[in-house]
Amino acid sequence: MAAQVTVYTKDYCPYCQRAKALLESLEQKYNEIDIGKHPNRKDEMVGLAGGRTTVPQIFVGDVHVGGCDDLFALHAKGKLLPLLKG
């Protein structure tokens, strides 16, 4: 069973677009929470992300991956696919 992926985003964020494009290229479904459209979810994101306030903030299951650069770095190390597979 694949892990559940959650991505906190904002519409105008190029890093959010890059992170989502990587996940889509890997055929990974994800739950997107746009904190621009749902500002009440920002505090939730900050709490889960250990105080980080920038987007995207990406979670695979209970694992906080971090932002876009963190996601790409994990993929470059060959650790993203195993994490996504659960």
PDB file of N, CA and C in Angstrom:
ATOM      1  N   MET A   1       0.850  -1.195   0.000  1.00  0.00           N
ATOM      2  CA  MET A   1       0.000   0.000   0.000  1.00  0.00           C
ATOM      3  C   MET A   1       0.884   1.243   0.000  1.00  0.00           C
ATOM      4  N   ALA A   2       0.579   2.163  -0.874  1.00  0.00           N
ATOM      5  CA  ALA A   2       1.350   3.403  -0.970  1.00  0.00           C
ATOM      6  C   ALA A   2       1.040   4.311   0.215  1.00  0.00           C
ATOM      7  N   ALA A   3       2.035   5.066   0.607  1.00  0.00           N
ATOM      8  CA  ALA A   3       1.872   6.006   1.707  1.00  0.00           C
ATOM      9  C   ALA A   3       0.996   7.174   1.275  1.00  0.00           C
ATOM     10  N   GLN A   4       0.297   7.759   2.238  1.00  0.00           N
ATOM     11  CA  GLN A   4      -0.502   8.948   1.957  1.00  0.00           C
ATOM     12  C   GLN A   4       0.420  10.159   1.943  1.00  0.00           C
ATOM     13  N   VAL A   5       0.312  10.966   0.910  1.00  0.00           N
ATOM     14  CA  VAL A   5       1.146  12.159   0.764  1.00  0.00           C
ATOM     15  C   VAL A   5       0.259  13.393   0.900  1.00  0.00           C
ATOM     16  N   THR A   6       0.717  14.342   1.714  1.00  0.00           N
ATOM     17  CA  THR A   6       0.021  15.612   1.885  1.00  0.00           C
ATOM     18  C   THR A   6       0.991  16.733   1.554  1.00  0.00           C
ATOM     19  N   VAL A   7       0.523  17.670   0.727  1.00  0.00           N
ATOM     20  CA  VAL A   7       1.344  18.810   0.317  1.00  0.00           C
ATOM     21  C   VAL A   7       0.574  20.090   0.641  1.00  0.00           C
ATOM     22  N   TYR A   8       1.146  20.901   1.521  1.00  0.00           N
ATOM     23  CA  TYR A   8       0.579  22.216   1.819  1.00  0.00           C
ATOM     24  C   TYR A   8       1.155  23.192   0.803  1.00  0.00           C
ATOM     25  N   THR A   9       0.288  23.951   0.140  1.00  0.00           N
ATOM     26  CA  THR A   9       0.705  24.808  -0.973  1.00  0.00           C
ATOM     27  C   THR A   9       0.041  26.180  -0.910  1.00  0.00           C
ATOM     28  N   LYS A  10       0.434  27.015  -1.870  1.00  0.00           N
ATOM     29  CA  LYS A  10      -0.270  28.253  -2.234  1.00  0.00           C
ATOM     30  C   LYS A  10      -0.266  28.309  -3.749  1.00  0.00           C
ATOM     31  N   ASP A  11      -1.286  28.920  -4.330  1.00  0.00           N
ATOM     32  CA  ASP A  11      -1.452  28.982  -5.787  1.00  0.00           C
ATOM     33  C   ASP A  11      -0.246  29.526  -6.531  1.00  0.00           C
ATOM     34  N   TYR A  12       0.306  30.606  -6.065  1.00  0.00           N
ATOM     35  CA  TYR A  12       1.316  31.344  -6.814  1.00  0.00           C
ATOM     36  C   TYR A  12       2.743  30.895  -6.501  1.00  0.00           C
ATOM     37  N   CYS A  13       2.910  29.748  -5.911  1.00  0.00           N
ATOM     38  CA  CYS A  13       4.213  29.283  -5.451  1.00  0.00           C
ATOM     39  C   CYS A  13       4.886  28.378  -6.487  1.00  0.00           C
ATOM     40  N   PRO A  14       5.984  28.840  -7.105  1.00  0.00           N
ATOM     41  CA  PRO A  14       6.661  28.000  -8.106  1.00  0.00           C
ATOM     42  C   PRO A  14       7.280  26.741  -7.494  1.00  0.00           C
ATOM     43  N   TYR A  15       7.700  26.805  -6.244  1.00  0.00           N
ATOM     44  CA  TYR A  15       8.258  25.622  -5.587  1.00  0.00           C
ATOM     45  C   TYR A  15       7.181  24.564  -5.361  1.00  0.00           C
ATOM     46  N   CYS A  16       5.983  25.029  -5.068  1.00  0.00           N
ATOM     47  CA  CYS A  16       4.851  24.101  -4.915  1.00  0.00           C
ATOM     48  C   CYS A  16       4.589  23.391  -6.241  1.00  0.00           C
ATOM     49  N   GLN A  17       4.619  24.150  -7.327  1.00  0.00           N
ATOM     50  CA  GLN A  17       4.382  23.564  -8.652  1.00  0.00           C
ATOM     51  C   GLN A  17       5.444  22.517  -8.981  1.00  0.00           C
ATOM     52  N   ARG A  18       6.712  22.812  -8.678  1.00  0.00           N
ATOM     53  CA  ARG A  18       7.799  21.867  -8.945  1.00  0.00           C
ATOM     54  C   ARG A  18       7.634  20.587  -8.130  1.00  0.00           C
ATOM     55  N   ALA A  19       7.289  20.739  -6.847  1.00  0.00           N
ATOM     56  CA  ALA A  19       7.126  19.573  -5.978  1.00  0.00           C
ATOM     57  C   ALA A  19       5.967  18.706  -6.458  1.00  0.00           C
ATOM     58  N   LYS A  20       4.864  19.339  -6.809  1.00  0.00           N
ATOM     59  CA  LYS A  20       3.706  18.578  -7.303  1.00  0.00           C
ATOM     60  C   LYS A  20       4.032  17.906  -8.632  1.00  0.00           C
ATOM     61  N   ALA A  21       4.797  18.585  -9.494  1.00  0.00           N
ATOM     62  CA  ALA A  21       5.171  18.006 -10.780  1.00  0.00           C
ATOM     63  C   ALA A  21       6.039  16.759 -10.583  1.00  0.00           C
ATOM     64  N   LEU A  22       6.950  16.794  -9.606  1.00  0.00           N
ATOM     65  CA  LEU A  22       7.772  15.614  -9.332  1.00  0.00           C
ATOM     66  C   LEU A  22       6.899  14.455  -8.871  1.00  0.00           C
ATOM     67  N   LEU A  23       6.002  14.720  -7.943  1.00  0.00           N
ATOM     68  CA  LEU A  23       5.115  13.661  -7.453  1.00  0.00           C
ATOM     69  C   LEU A  23       4.264  13.092  -8.587  1.00  0.00           C
ATOM     70  N   GLU A  24       3.758  13.979  -9.442  1.00  0.00           N
ATOM     71  CA  GLU A  24       2.933  13.532 -10.568  1.00  0.00           C
ATOM     72  C   GLU A  24       3.759  12.713 -11.555  1.00  0.00           C
ATOM     73  N   SER A  25       5.037  13.088 -11.769  1.00  0.00           N
ATOM     74  CA  SER A  25       5.890  12.327 -12.687  1.00  0.00           C
ATOM     75  C   SER A  25       6.157  10.924 -12.153  1.00  0.00           C
ATOM     76  N   LEU A  26       6.049  10.769 -10.841  1.00  0.00           N
ATOM     77  CA  LEU A  26       6.229   9.464 -10.207  1.00  0.00           C
ATOM     78  C   LEU A  26       4.895   8.731 -10.051  1.00  0.00           C
ATOM     79  N   GLU A  27       3.832   9.328 -10.623  1.00  0.00           N
ATOM     80  CA  GLU A  27       2.474   8.794 -10.546  1.00  0.00           C
ATOM     81  C   GLU A  27       2.011   8.608  -9.106  1.00  0.00           C
ATOM     82  N   GLN A  28       2.400   9.567  -8.262  1.00  0.00           N
ATOM     83  CA  GLN A  28       2.042   9.545  -6.851  1.00  0.00           C
ATOM     84  C   GLN A  28       0.859  10.481  -6.618  1.00  0.00           C
ATOM     85  N   LYS A  29      -0.207   9.937  -6.091  1.00  0.00           N
ATOM     86  CA  LYS A  29      -1.349  10.771  -5.719  1.00  0.00           C
ATOM     87  C   LYS A  29      -0.998  11.495  -4.430  1.00  0.00           C
ATOM     88  N   TYR A  30      -1.593  12.675  -4.251  1.00  0.00           N
ATOM     89  CA  TYR A  30      -1.336  13.443  -3.037  1.00  0.00           C
ATOM     90  C   TYR A  30      -2.562  14.266  -2.687  1.00  0.00           C
ATOM     91  N   ASN A  31      -2.650  14.605  -1.422  1.00  0.00           N
ATOM     92  CA  ASN A  31      -3.704  15.469  -0.907  1.00  0.00           C
ATOM     93  C   ASN A  31      -3.120  16.870  -0.815  1.00  0.00           C
ATOM     94  N   GLU A  32      -3.670  17.794  -1.573  1.00  0.00           N
ATOM     95  CA  GLU A  32      -3.168  19.168  -1.576  1.00  0.00           C
ATOM     96  C   GLU A  32      -4.037  20.033  -0.677  1.00  0.00           C
ATOM     97  N   ILE A  33      -3.380  20.765   0.213  1.00  0.00           N
ATOM     98  CA  ILE A  33      -4.070  21.711   1.082  1.00  0.00           C
ATOM     99  C   ILE A  33      -3.513  23.096   0.757  1.00  0.00           C
ATOM    100  N   ASP A  34      -4.312  23.907   0.080  1.00  0.00           N
ATOM    101  CA  ASP A  34      -3.914  25.252  -0.322  1.00  0.00           C
ATOM    102  C   ASP A  34      -4.209  26.201   0.834  1.00  0.00           C
ATOM    103  N   ILE A  35      -3.142  26.647   1.519  1.00  0.00           N
ATOM    104  CA  ILE A  35      -3.356  27.514   2.677  1.00  0.00           C
ATOM    105  C   ILE A  35      -3.701  28.945   2.274  1.00  0.00           C
ATOM    106  N   GLY A  36      -3.597  29.252   0.984  1.00  0.00           N
ATOM    107  CA  GLY A  36      -4.084  30.535   0.496  1.00  0.00           C
ATOM    108  C   GLY A  36      -5.604  30.553   0.475  1.00  0.00           C
ATOM    109  N   LYS A  37      -6.184  29.424   0.082  1.00  0.00           N
ATOM    110  CA  LYS A  37      -7.640  29.288   0.032  1.00  0.00           C
ATOM    111  C   LYS A  37      -8.223  28.874   1.379  1.00  0.00           C
ATOM    112  N   HIS A  38      -7.393  28.228   2.196  1.00  0.00           N
ATOM    113  CA  HIS A  38      -7.836  27.746   3.512  1.00  0.00           C
ATOM    114  C   HIS A  38      -6.847  28.216   4.580  1.00  0.00           C
ATOM    115  N   PRO A  39      -6.833  29.538   4.854  1.00  0.00           N
ATOM    116  CA  PRO A  39      -5.844  30.083   5.791  1.00  0.00           C
ATOM    117  C   PRO A  39      -5.945  29.501   7.205  1.00  0.00           C
ATOM    118  N   ASN A  40      -7.095  28.958   7.542  1.00  0.00           N
ATOM    119  CA  ASN A  40      -7.251  28.346   8.857  1.00  0.00           C
ATOM    120  C   ASN A  40      -6.397  27.088   8.998  1.00  0.00           C
ATOM    121  N   ARG A  41      -5.887  26.538   7.901  1.00  0.00           N
ATOM    122  CA  ARG A  41      -5.055  25.332   7.940  1.00  0.00           C
ATOM    123  C   ARG A  41      -3.567  25.660   8.109  1.00  0.00           C
ATOM    124  N   LYS A  42      -3.195  26.958   8.043  1.00  0.00           N
ATOM    125  CA  LYS A  42      -1.777  27.323   8.143  1.00  0.00           C
ATOM    126  C   LYS A  42      -1.195  26.948   9.507  1.00  0.00           C
ATOM    127  N   ASP A  43      -1.918  27.217  10.575  1.00  0.00           N
ATOM    128  CA  ASP A  43      -1.420  26.871  11.907  1.00  0.00           C
ATOM    129  C   ASP A  43      -1.195  25.366  12.029  1.00  0.00           C
ATOM    130  N   GLU A  44      -2.070  24.593  11.424  1.00  0.00           N
ATOM    131  CA  GLU A  44      -1.918  23.133  11.404  1.00  0.00           C
ATOM    132  C   GLU A  44      -0.603  22.761  10.719  1.00  0.00           C
ATOM    133  N   MET A  45      -0.357  23.359   9.555  1.00  0.00           N
ATOM    134  CA  MET A  45       0.863  23.085   8.803  1.00  0.00           C
ATOM    135  C   MET A  45       2.096  23.445   9.616  1.00  0.00           C
ATOM    136  N   VAL A  46       2.108  24.640  10.207  1.00  0.00           N
ATOM    137  CA  VAL A  46       3.258  25.107  10.976  1.00  0.00           C
ATOM    138  C   VAL A  46       3.534  24.163  12.151  1.00  0.00           C
ATOM    139  N   GLY A  47       2.480  23.719  12.806  1.00  0.00           N
ATOM    140  CA  GLY A  47       2.633  22.786  13.918  1.00  0.00           C
ATOM    141  C   GLY A  47       3.218  21.456  13.488  1.00  0.00           C
ATOM    142  N   LEU A  48       2.709  20.914  12.395  1.00  0.00           N
ATOM    143  CA  LEU A  48       3.195  19.635  11.898  1.00  0.00           C
ATOM    144  C   LEU A  48       4.616  19.739  11.346  1.00  0.00           C
ATOM    145  N   ALA A  49       4.961  20.925  10.821  1.00  0.00           N
ATOM    146  CA  ALA A  49       6.261  21.126  10.173  1.00  0.00           C
ATOM    147  C   ALA A  49       7.324  21.655  11.142  1.00  0.00           C
ATOM    148  N   GLY A  50       7.065  21.576  12.423  1.00  0.00           N
ATOM    149  CA  GLY A  50       8.066  21.996  13.396  1.00  0.00           C
ATOM    150  C   GLY A  50       8.385  23.476  13.356  1.00  0.00           C
ATOM    151  N   GLY A  51       7.396  24.294  13.012  1.00  0.00           N
ATOM    152  CA  GLY A  51       7.581  25.739  13.000  1.00  0.00           C
ATOM    153  C   GLY A  51       7.884  26.330  11.635  1.00  0.00           C
ATOM    154  N   ARG A  52       8.079  25.507  10.636  1.00  0.00           N
ATOM    155  CA  ARG A  52       8.353  26.029   9.288  1.00  0.00           C
ATOM    156  C   ARG A  52       7.080  26.660   8.733  1.00  0.00           C
ATOM    157  N   THR A  53       7.235  27.850   8.153  1.00  0.00           N
ATOM    158  CA  THR A  53       6.066  28.599   7.682  1.00  0.00           C
ATOM    159  C   THR A  53       5.998  28.729   6.165  1.00  0.00           C
ATOM    160  N   THR A  54       7.028  28.258   5.466  1.00  0.00           N
ATOM    161  CA  THR A  54       7.055  28.382   4.014  1.00  0.00           C
ATOM    162  C   THR A  54       6.342  27.205   3.355  1.00  0.00           C
ATOM    163  N   VAL A  55       5.920  27.410   2.114  1.00  0.00           N
ATOM    164  CA  VAL A  55       5.320  26.333   1.337  1.00  0.00           C
ATOM    165  C   VAL A  55       6.225  26.020   0.158  1.00  0.00           C
ATOM    166  N   PRO A  56       6.193  24.799  -0.306  1.00  0.00           N
ATOM    167  CA  PRO A  56       5.366  23.713   0.191  1.00  0.00           C
ATOM    168  C   PRO A  56       5.954  23.078   1.445  1.00  0.00           C
ATOM    169  N   GLN A  57       5.096  22.438   2.196  1.00  0.00           N
ATOM    170  CA  GLN A  57       5.513  21.543   3.260  1.00  0.00           C
ATOM    171  C   GLN A  57       4.924  20.192   2.883  1.00  0.00           C
ATOM    172  N   ILE A  58       5.778  19.189   2.812  1.00  0.00           N
ATOM    173  CA  ILE A  58       5.394  17.896   2.252  1.00  0.00           C
ATOM    174  C   ILE A  58       5.532  16.813   3.312  1.00  0.00           C
ATOM    175  N   PHE A  59       4.502  15.994   3.401  1.00  0.00           N
ATOM    176  CA  PHE A  59       4.465  14.892   4.358  1.00  0.00           C
ATOM    177  C   PHE A  59       4.163  13.599   3.616  1.00  0.00           C
ATOM    178  N   VAL A  60       4.924  12.571   3.933  1.00  0.00           N
ATOM    179  CA  VAL A  60       4.656  11.226   3.409  1.00  0.00           C
ATOM    180  C   VAL A  60       4.319  10.382   4.627  1.00  0.00           C
ATOM    181  N   GLY A  61       3.048  10.038   4.741  1.00  0.00           N
ATOM    182  CA  GLY A  61       2.594   9.380   5.964  1.00  0.00           C
ATOM    183  C   GLY A  61       2.851  10.318   7.135  1.00  0.00           C
ATOM    184  N   ASP A  62       3.544   9.812   8.155  1.00  0.00           N
ATOM    185  CA  ASP A  62       3.878  10.621   9.328  1.00  0.00           C
ATOM    186  C   ASP A  62       5.235  11.305   9.206  1.00  0.00           C
ATOM    187  N   VAL A  63       5.902  11.120   8.081  1.00  0.00           N
ATOM    188  CA  VAL A  63       7.244  11.677   7.889  1.00  0.00           C
ATOM    189  C   VAL A  63       7.159  13.062   7.253  1.00  0.00           C
ATOM    190  N   HIS A  64       7.761  14.046   7.921  1.00  0.00           N
ATOM    191  CA  HIS A  64       7.839  15.390   7.367  1.00  0.00           C
ATOM    192  C   HIS A  64       9.056  15.430   6.454  1.00  0.00           C
ATOM    193  N   VAL A  65       8.818  15.472   5.154  1.00  0.00           N
ATOM    194  CA  VAL A  65       9.902  15.516   4.174  1.00  0.00           C
ATOM    195  C   VAL A  65      10.540  16.901   4.164  1.00  0.00           C
ATOM    196  N   GLY A  66       9.725  17.936   4.270  1.00  0.00           N
ATOM    197  CA  GLY A  66      10.201  19.311   4.219  1.00  0.00           C
ATOM    198  C   GLY A  66       9.629  20.021   3.019  1.00  0.00           C
ATOM    199  N   GLY A  67      10.454  20.846   2.370  1.00  0.00           N
ATOM    200  CA  GLY A  67      10.005  21.629   1.230  1.00  0.00           C
ATOM    201  C   GLY A  67      10.393  21.003  -0.094  1.00  0.00           C
ATOM    202  N   CYS A  68      10.298  21.790  -1.143  1.00  0.00           N
ATOM    203  CA  CYS A  68      10.581  21.330  -2.502  1.00  0.00           C
ATOM    204  C   CYS A  68      12.012  20.815  -2.641  1.00  0.00           C
ATOM    205  N   ASP A  69      12.983  21.607  -2.182  1.00  0.00           N
ATOM    206  CA  ASP A  69      14.380  21.189  -2.295  1.00  0.00           C
ATOM    207  C   ASP A  69      14.628  19.894  -1.532  1.00  0.00           C
ATOM    208  N   ASP A  70      13.994  19.755  -0.378  1.00  0.00           N
ATOM    209  CA  ASP A  70      14.139  18.530   0.418  1.00  0.00           C
ATOM    210  C   ASP A  70      13.578  17.323  -0.335  1.00  0.00           C
ATOM    211  N   LEU A  71      12.441  17.526  -1.000  1.00  0.00           N
ATOM    212  CA  LEU A  71      11.821  16.447  -1.771  1.00  0.00           C
ATOM    213  C   LEU A  71      12.739  16.007  -2.911  1.00  0.00           C
ATOM    214  N   PHE A  72      13.284  16.975  -3.643  1.00  0.00           N
ATOM    215  CA  PHE A  72      14.186  16.650  -4.746  1.00  0.00           C
ATOM    216  C   PHE A  72      15.464  15.988  -4.246  1.00  0.00           C
ATOM    217  N   ALA A  73      15.989  16.431  -3.114  1.00  0.00           N
ATOM    218  CA  ALA A  73      17.204  15.833  -2.549  1.00  0.00           C
ATOM    219  C   ALA A  73      16.950  14.387  -2.143  1.00  0.00           C
ATOM    220  N   LEU A  74      15.812  14.134  -1.538  1.00  0.00           N
ATOM    221  CA  LEU A  74      15.450  12.771  -1.149  1.00  0.00           C
ATOM    222  C   LEU A  74      15.353  11.878  -2.381  1.00  0.00           C
ATOM    223  N   HIS A  75      14.776  12.416  -3.443  1.00  0.00           N
ATOM    224  CA  HIS A  75      14.648  11.653  -4.689  1.00  0.00           C
ATOM    225  C   HIS A  75      16.031  11.393  -5.299  1.00  0.00           C
ATOM    226  N   ALA A  76      16.898  12.388  -5.273  1.00  0.00           N
ATOM    227  CA  ALA A  76      18.242  12.240  -5.841  1.00  0.00           C
ATOM    228  C   ALA A  76      19.048  11.171  -5.101  1.00  0.00           C
ATOM    229  N   LYS A  77      18.783  10.999  -3.806  1.00  0.00           N
ATOM    230  CA  LYS A  77      19.481   9.995  -3.003  1.00  0.00           C
ATOM    231  C   LYS A  77      18.858   8.609  -3.136  1.00  0.00           C
ATOM    232  N   GLY A  78      17.769   8.513  -3.910  1.00  0.00           N
ATOM    233  CA  GLY A  78      17.102   7.223  -4.078  1.00  0.00           C
ATOM    234  C   GLY A  78      16.240   6.813  -2.900  1.00  0.00           C
ATOM    235  N   LYS A  79      15.907   7.767  -2.036  1.00  0.00           N
ATOM    236  CA  LYS A  79      15.143   7.440  -0.827  1.00  0.00           C
ATOM    237  C   LYS A  79      13.665   7.805  -0.913  1.00  0.00           C
ATOM    238  N   LEU A  80      13.281   8.542  -1.956  1.00  0.00           N
ATOM    239  CA  LEU A  80      11.886   8.968  -2.050  1.00  0.00           C
ATOM    240  C   LEU A  80      10.964   7.828  -2.447  1.00  0.00           C
ATOM    241  N   LEU A  81      11.312   7.079  -3.478  1.00  0.00           N
ATOM    242  CA  LEU A  81      10.436   5.992  -3.942  1.00  0.00           C
ATOM    243  C   LEU A  81      10.154   4.957  -2.855  1.00  0.00           C
ATOM    244  N   PRO A  82      11.169   4.496  -2.114  1.00  0.00           N
ATOM    245  CA  PRO A  82      10.860   3.553  -1.030  1.00  0.00           C
ATOM    246  C   PRO A  82       9.928   4.161   0.018  1.00  0.00           C
ATOM    247  N   LEU A  83      10.118   5.438   0.309  1.00  0.00           N
ATOM    248  CA  LEU A  83       9.255   6.108   1.279  1.00  0.00           C
ATOM    249  C   LEU A  83       7.813   6.174   0.759  1.00  0.00           C
ATOM    250  N   LEU A  84       7.656   6.470  -0.524  1.00  0.00           N
ATOM    251  CA  LEU A  84       6.318   6.569  -1.109  1.00  0.00           C
ATOM    252  C   LEU A  84       5.614   5.210  -1.133  1.00  0.00           C
ATOM    253  N   LYS A  85       6.381   4.155  -1.269  1.00  0.00           N
ATOM    254  CA  LYS A  85       5.796   2.798  -1.306  1.00  0.00           C
ATOM    255  C   LYS A  85       5.369   2.328   0.068  1.00  0.00           C
ATOM    256  N   GLY A  86       5.797   3.056   1.107  1.00  0.00           N
ATOM    257  CA  GLY A  86       5.388   2.700   2.456  1.00  0.00           C
ATOM    258  C   GLY A  86       6.252   1.606   2.987  1.00  0.00           C
TER     259      GLY A  86
END
